[in-house]
Amino acid sequence: MESIGTKNQQSNHKLNIIIGNWATKTLMLDFDNTPLGEVKLWCFRLYVWFGLGGFIILQSSQRILAAKDKRTGKIIFRYRIGSYLVVFNREVTWKQNVRIMNWIALESGNIGLQNYVRMQCIKGSSTLRLSNKGKKPFPKPIFHHGSQDKMIAEFLDNRQFILDFLNNSAC
């Protein structure tokens, strides 16, 4: 009998499955290692410029970093940097979705976002994580603006379905 995987992989009985949401008609973005204020700025620009009806920001993960004095080695201040997922409310075509994702990726100069957009174009749909990922918790909504009745409502319904499923499953 042939074994598959490494010894560590075989002894780990815990499933490592990441569940996500995918869509071609929903504009979704993933801002990794970006301050929340910057994410909000870009979301408001997209909201106004492209008439996207509303948006919701979910916190995917957060890290607390410290700045130290080079001479003394003492911490001068601590700051938070996070990863945020964004979903916009207005339905768009895949062509519009790609156009808007590329515009924001290039305009913002955010390398992580540019990589995210490339992968979405390769896959042919926008995807966002809904489950935990290693030590990263489930993404949680932290900010919303504008209408939440169309694509955001659909996204949140999918999210709730997945959360209920994972909470009630034996995995």
C-alpha atoms as a PDB file:
ATOM      1  CA  MET A   1       0.000   0.000   0.000  1.00  0.00           C
ATOM      2  CA  GLU A   2       1.385   3.370  -0.984  1.00  0.00           C
ATOM      3  CA  SER A   3       1.324   6.210   1.545  1.00  0.00           C
ATOM      4  CA  ILE A   4       0.594   9.748   0.516  1.00  0.00           C
ATOM      5  CA  GLY A   5       2.066  12.852   2.159  1.00  0.00           C
ATOM      6  CA  THR A   6       4.847  13.331   4.652  1.00  0.00           C
ATOM      7  CA  LYS A   7       5.018  11.776   8.101  1.00  0.00           C
ATOM      8  CA  ASN A   8       3.905  15.041   9.689  1.00  0.00           C
ATOM      9  CA  GLN A   9       0.995  15.323   7.265  1.00  0.00           C
ATOM     10  CA  GLN A  10      -0.108  11.742   7.953  1.00  0.00           C
ATOM     11  CA  SER A  11      -0.023  12.128  11.741  1.00  0.00           C
ATOM     12  CA  ASN A  12      -2.050  15.331  11.653  1.00  0.00           C
ATOM     13  CA  HIS A  13      -5.670  14.165  11.807  1.00  0.00           C
ATOM     14  CA  LYS A  14      -7.073  17.690  11.919  1.00  0.00           C
ATOM     15  CA  LEU A  15      -8.440  18.781   8.559  1.00  0.00           C
ATOM     16  CA  ASN A  16      -6.792  21.825   7.035  1.00  0.00           C
ATOM     17  CA  ILE A  17      -9.505  22.993   4.671  1.00  0.00           C
ATOM     18  CA  ILE A  18     -10.016  26.635   3.809  1.00  0.00           C
ATOM     19  CA  ILE A  19     -13.544  27.509   2.742  1.00  0.00           C
ATOM     20  CA  GLY A  20     -14.159  30.591   0.658  1.00  0.00           C
ATOM     21  CA  ASN A  21     -16.715  32.492  -1.337  1.00  0.00           C
ATOM     22  CA  TRP A  22     -16.310  32.933  -5.085  1.00  0.00           C
ATOM     23  CA  ALA A  23     -18.256  35.112  -7.486  1.00  0.00           C
ATOM     24  CA  THR A  24     -17.918  36.753 -10.872  1.00  0.00           C
ATOM     25  CA  LYS A  25     -20.623  39.389 -10.301  1.00  0.00           C
ATOM     26  CA  THR A  26     -19.392  40.646  -6.920  1.00  0.00           C
ATOM     27  CA  LEU A  27     -16.443  43.003  -6.571  1.00  0.00           C
ATOM     28  CA  MET A  28     -14.311  41.634  -3.721  1.00  0.00           C
ATOM     29  CA  LEU A  29     -10.838  42.733  -2.644  1.00  0.00           C
ATOM     30  CA  ASP A  30      -8.164  41.458  -0.244  1.00  0.00           C
ATOM     31  CA  PHE A  31      -5.930  44.081   1.375  1.00  0.00           C
ATOM     32  CA  ASP A  32      -3.075  42.290   3.177  1.00  0.00           C
ATOM     33  CA  ASN A  33      -0.830  44.125   5.644  1.00  0.00           C
ATOM     34  CA  THR A  34      -2.595  47.449   5.144  1.00  0.00           C
ATOM     35  CA  PRO A  35      -3.703  49.992   7.765  1.00  0.00           C
ATOM     36  CA  LEU A  36      -7.494  50.156   8.167  1.00  0.00           C
ATOM     37  CA  GLY A  37      -7.571  53.884   7.376  1.00  0.00           C
ATOM     38  CA  GLU A  38      -5.943  53.243   4.005  1.00  0.00           C
ATOM     39  CA  VAL A  39      -8.419  50.445   3.224  1.00  0.00           C
ATOM     40  CA  LYS A  40     -11.332  52.779   4.043  1.00  0.00           C
ATOM     41  CA  LEU A  41      -9.858  55.510   1.843  1.00  0.00           C
ATOM     42  CA  TRP A  42      -9.661  53.200  -1.187  1.00  0.00           C
ATOM     43  CA  CYS A  43     -13.123  51.751  -0.509  1.00  0.00           C
ATOM     44  CA  PHE A  44     -14.696  55.215  -0.414  1.00  0.00           C
ATOM     45  CA  ARG A  45     -12.897  56.146  -3.652  1.00  0.00           C
ATOM     46  CA  LEU A  46     -14.244  53.037  -5.393  1.00  0.00           C
ATOM     47  CA  TYR A  47     -17.703  53.524  -3.869  1.00  0.00           C
ATOM     48  CA  VAL A  48     -17.956  57.061  -5.242  1.00  0.00           C
ATOM     49  CA  TRP A  49     -15.996  56.697  -8.504  1.00  0.00           C
ATOM     50  CA  PHE A  50     -17.732  53.523  -9.714  1.00  0.00           C
ATOM     51  CA  GLY A  51     -21.121  53.941  -7.972  1.00  0.00           C
ATOM     52  CA  LEU A  52     -20.872  50.646  -6.104  1.00  0.00           C
ATOM     53  CA  GLY A  53     -23.795  51.295  -3.743  1.00  0.00           C
ATOM     54  CA  GLY A  54     -22.061  50.305  -0.507  1.00  0.00           C
ATOM     55  CA  PHE A  55     -19.290  48.188   0.956  1.00  0.00           C
ATOM     56  CA  ILE A  56     -18.381  46.083   3.954  1.00  0.00           C
ATOM     57  CA  ILE A  57     -14.921  45.551   5.406  1.00  0.00           C
ATOM     58  CA  LEU A  58     -14.067  42.313   7.201  1.00  0.00           C
ATOM     59  CA  GLN A  59     -10.957  41.893   9.319  1.00  0.00           C
ATOM     60  CA  SER A  60      -9.095  38.806   8.166  1.00  0.00           C
ATOM     61  CA  SER A  61      -6.178  38.998  10.599  1.00  0.00           C
ATOM     62  CA  GLN A  62      -4.266  41.499  12.670  1.00  0.00           C
ATOM     63  CA  ARG A  63      -0.705  41.849  13.911  1.00  0.00           C
ATOM     64  CA  ILE A  64       0.716  44.162  16.536  1.00  0.00           C
ATOM     65  CA  LEU A  65       4.136  45.434  15.586  1.00  0.00           C
ATOM     66  CA  ALA A  66       6.616  47.380  17.689  1.00  0.00           C
ATOM     67  CA  ALA A  67       9.052  50.110  16.750  1.00  0.00           C
ATOM     68  CA  LYS A  68      12.263  50.050  18.790  1.00  0.00           C
ATOM     69  CA  ASP A  69      14.878  52.692  19.451  1.00  0.00           C
ATOM     70  CA  LYS A  70      18.067  51.538  17.673  1.00  0.00           C
ATOM     71  CA  ARG A  71      20.344  52.766  20.462  1.00  0.00           C
ATOM     72  CA  THR A  72      18.522  51.460  23.525  1.00  0.00           C
ATOM     73  CA  GLY A  73      16.486  48.625  22.063  1.00  0.00           C
ATOM     74  CA  LYS A  74      13.436  49.885  23.967  1.00  0.00           C
ATOM     75  CA  ILE A  75      10.022  49.878  22.333  1.00  0.00           C
ATOM     76  CA  ILE A  76       9.035  53.404  21.309  1.00  0.00           C
ATOM     77  CA  PHE A  77       5.494  52.559  20.209  1.00  0.00           C
ATOM     78  CA  ARG A  78       3.282  49.706  19.087  1.00  0.00           C
ATOM     79  CA  TYR A  79       1.010  49.752  16.087  1.00  0.00           C
ATOM     80  CA  ARG A  80      -1.474  47.445  14.428  1.00  0.00           C
ATOM     81  CA  ILE A  81      -1.464  46.321  10.861  1.00  0.00           C
ATOM     82  CA  GLY A  82      -4.162  44.135   9.473  1.00  0.00           C
ATOM     83  CA  SER A  83      -5.447  42.200   6.553  1.00  0.00           C
ATOM     84  CA  TYR A  84      -8.907  43.174   5.387  1.00  0.00           C
ATOM     85  CA  LEU A  85     -11.449  41.730   2.978  1.00  0.00           C
ATOM     86  CA  VAL A  86     -13.868  44.036   1.176  1.00  0.00           C
ATOM     87  CA  VAL A  87     -17.157  43.269  -0.570  1.00  0.00           C
ATOM     88  CA  PHE A  88     -19.096  45.858  -2.600  1.00  0.00           C
ATOM     89  CA  ASN A  89     -22.880  45.883  -2.935  1.00  0.00           C
ATOM     90  CA  ARG A  90     -23.646  46.604  -6.606  1.00  0.00           C
ATOM     91  CA  GLU A  91     -23.670  43.688  -9.025  1.00  0.00           C
ATOM     92  CA  VAL A  92     -21.044  44.033 -11.762  1.00  0.00           C
ATOM     93  CA  THR A  93     -20.128  42.040 -14.848  1.00  0.00           C
ATOM     94  CA  TRP A  94     -16.876  40.065 -14.802  1.00  0.00           C
ATOM     95  CA  LYS A  95     -15.424  42.571 -17.280  1.00  0.00           C
ATOM     96  CA  GLN A  96     -16.288  45.483 -14.938  1.00  0.00           C
ATOM     97  CA  ASN A  97     -14.991  43.502 -11.976  1.00  0.00           C
ATOM     98  CA  VAL A  98     -11.597  42.924 -13.621  1.00  0.00           C
ATOM     99  CA  ARG A  99     -11.408  46.550 -14.735  1.00  0.00           C
ATOM    100  CA  ILE A 100     -12.148  47.910 -11.242  1.00  0.00           C
ATOM    101  CA  MET A 101      -9.861  45.417  -9.460  1.00  0.00           C
ATOM    102  CA  ASN A 102      -6.978  46.319 -11.757  1.00  0.00           C
ATOM    103  CA  TRP A 103      -7.626  50.044 -11.422  1.00  0.00           C
ATOM    104  CA  ILE A 104      -7.478  49.937  -7.615  1.00  0.00           C
ATOM    105  CA  ALA A 105      -4.480  47.582  -7.568  1.00  0.00           C
ATOM    106  CA  LEU A 106      -2.459  49.869  -9.837  1.00  0.00           C
ATOM    107  CA  GLU A 107      -3.695  53.164  -8.379  1.00  0.00           C
ATOM    108  CA  SER A 108      -3.026  52.092  -4.769  1.00  0.00           C
ATOM    109  CA  GLY A 109       0.420  50.647  -5.509  1.00  0.00           C
ATOM    110  CA  ASN A 110      -0.406  47.866  -3.024  1.00  0.00           C
ATOM    111  CA  ILE A 111       1.737  44.872  -4.076  1.00  0.00           C
ATOM    112  CA  GLY A 112      -0.363  42.384  -2.091  1.00  0.00           C
ATOM    113  CA  LEU A 113      -3.515  43.637  -3.778  1.00  0.00           C
ATOM    114  CA  GLN A 114      -1.837  43.452  -7.189  1.00  0.00           C
ATOM    115  CA  ASN A 115      -0.960  39.802  -6.526  1.00  0.00           C
ATOM    116  CA  TYR A 116      -4.525  39.100  -5.363  1.00  0.00           C
ATOM    117  CA  VAL A 117      -5.951  40.637  -8.550  1.00  0.00           C
ATOM    118  CA  ARG A 118      -3.606  38.579 -10.747  1.00  0.00           C
ATOM    119  CA  MET A 119      -4.782  35.379  -9.080  1.00  0.00           C
ATOM    120  CA  GLN A 120      -8.452  36.336  -9.478  1.00  0.00           C
ATOM    121  CA  CYS A 121      -7.910  36.951 -13.174  1.00  0.00           C
ATOM    122  CA  ILE A 122      -6.167  33.580 -13.519  1.00  0.00           C
ATOM    123  CA  LYS A 123      -8.978  31.778 -11.649  1.00  0.00           C
ATOM    124  CA  GLY A 124     -11.720  33.656 -13.497  1.00  0.00           C
ATOM    125  CA  SER A 125     -13.636  34.708 -10.380  1.00  0.00           C
ATOM    126  CA  SER A 126     -13.195  36.756  -7.226  1.00  0.00           C
ATOM    127  CA  THR A 127     -12.597  34.709  -4.092  1.00  0.00           C
ATOM    128  CA  LEU A 128     -12.447  35.520  -0.389  1.00  0.00           C
ATOM    129  CA  ARG A 129     -11.758  33.301   2.602  1.00  0.00           C
ATOM    130  CA  LEU A 130     -14.729  32.572   4.903  1.00  0.00           C
ATOM    131  CA  SER A 131     -13.198  30.027   7.293  1.00  0.00           C
ATOM    132  CA  ASN A 132     -10.190  30.116   9.559  1.00  0.00           C
ATOM    133  CA  LYS A 133      -6.756  29.569   8.016  1.00  0.00           C
ATOM    134  CA  GLY A 134      -4.128  28.130  10.298  1.00  0.00           C
ATOM    135  CA  LYS A 135      -3.918  30.562  13.214  1.00  0.00           C
ATOM    136  CA  LYS A 136      -5.919  33.223  11.379  1.00  0.00           C
ATOM    137  CA  PRO A 137      -9.500  33.442  12.685  1.00  0.00           C
ATOM    138  CA  PHE A 138     -12.721  33.617  10.684  1.00  0.00           C
ATOM    139  CA  PRO A 139     -12.985  37.018   8.966  1.00  0.00           C
ATOM    140  CA  LYS A 140     -15.335  39.271  10.915  1.00  0.00           C
ATOM    141  CA  PRO A 141     -17.225  42.369   9.733  1.00  0.00           C
ATOM    142  CA  ILE A 142     -15.844  45.547  11.289  1.00  0.00           C
ATOM    143  CA  PHE A 143     -17.115  48.411   9.085  1.00  0.00           C
ATOM    144  CA  HIS A 144     -19.834  49.050   6.537  1.00  0.00           C
ATOM    145  CA  HIS A 145     -21.090  51.981   4.522  1.00  0.00           C
ATOM    146  CA  GLY A 146     -24.008  52.482   2.154  1.00  0.00           C
ATOM    147  CA  SER A 147     -26.499  49.889   0.984  1.00  0.00           C
ATOM    148  CA  GLN A 148     -26.070  46.288   2.099  1.00  0.00           C
ATOM    149  CA  ASP A 149     -29.038  44.680   0.321  1.00  0.00           C
ATOM    150  CA  LYS A 150     -27.631  43.041  -2.822  1.00  0.00           C
ATOM    151  CA  MET A 151     -24.229  41.404  -3.226  1.00  0.00           C
ATOM    152  CA  ILE A 152     -23.222  42.092   0.380  1.00  0.00           C
ATOM    153  CA  ALA A 153     -26.402  40.410   1.655  1.00  0.00           C
ATOM    154  CA  GLU A 154     -25.638  37.412  -0.576  1.00  0.00           C
ATOM    155  CA  PHE A 155     -22.048  37.273   0.675  1.00  0.00           C
ATOM    156  CA  LEU A 156     -23.141  37.511   4.332  1.00  0.00           C
ATOM    157  CA  ASP A 157     -25.757  34.774   3.784  1.00  0.00           C
ATOM    158  CA  ASN A 158     -23.031  32.500   2.358  1.00  0.00           C
ATOM    159  CA  ARG A 159     -20.764  33.403   5.270  1.00  0.00           C
ATOM    160  CA  GLN A 160     -23.464  32.565   7.819  1.00  0.00           C
ATOM    161  CA  PHE A 161     -24.211  29.261   6.085  1.00  0.00           C
ATOM    162  CA  ILE A 162     -20.530  28.282   6.268  1.00  0.00           C
ATOM    163  CA  LEU A 163     -20.219  29.365   9.915  1.00  0.00           C
ATOM    164  CA  ASP A 164     -23.339  27.382  10.863  1.00  0.00           C
ATOM    165  CA  PHE A 165     -22.095  24.347   8.937  1.00  0.00           C
ATOM    166  CA  LEU A 166     -18.647  24.424  10.555  1.00  0.00           C
ATOM    167  CA  ASN A 167     -20.088  24.981  14.040  1.00  0.00           C
ATOM    168  CA  ASN A 168     -22.499  22.045  13.643  1.00  0.00           C
ATOM    169  CA  SER A 169     -20.157  19.601  11.878  1.00  0.00           C
ATOM    170  CA  ALA A 170     -18.102  16.909  13.547  1.00  0.00           C
ATOM    171  CA  CYS A 171     -14.871  17.960  11.778  1.00  0.00           C
END
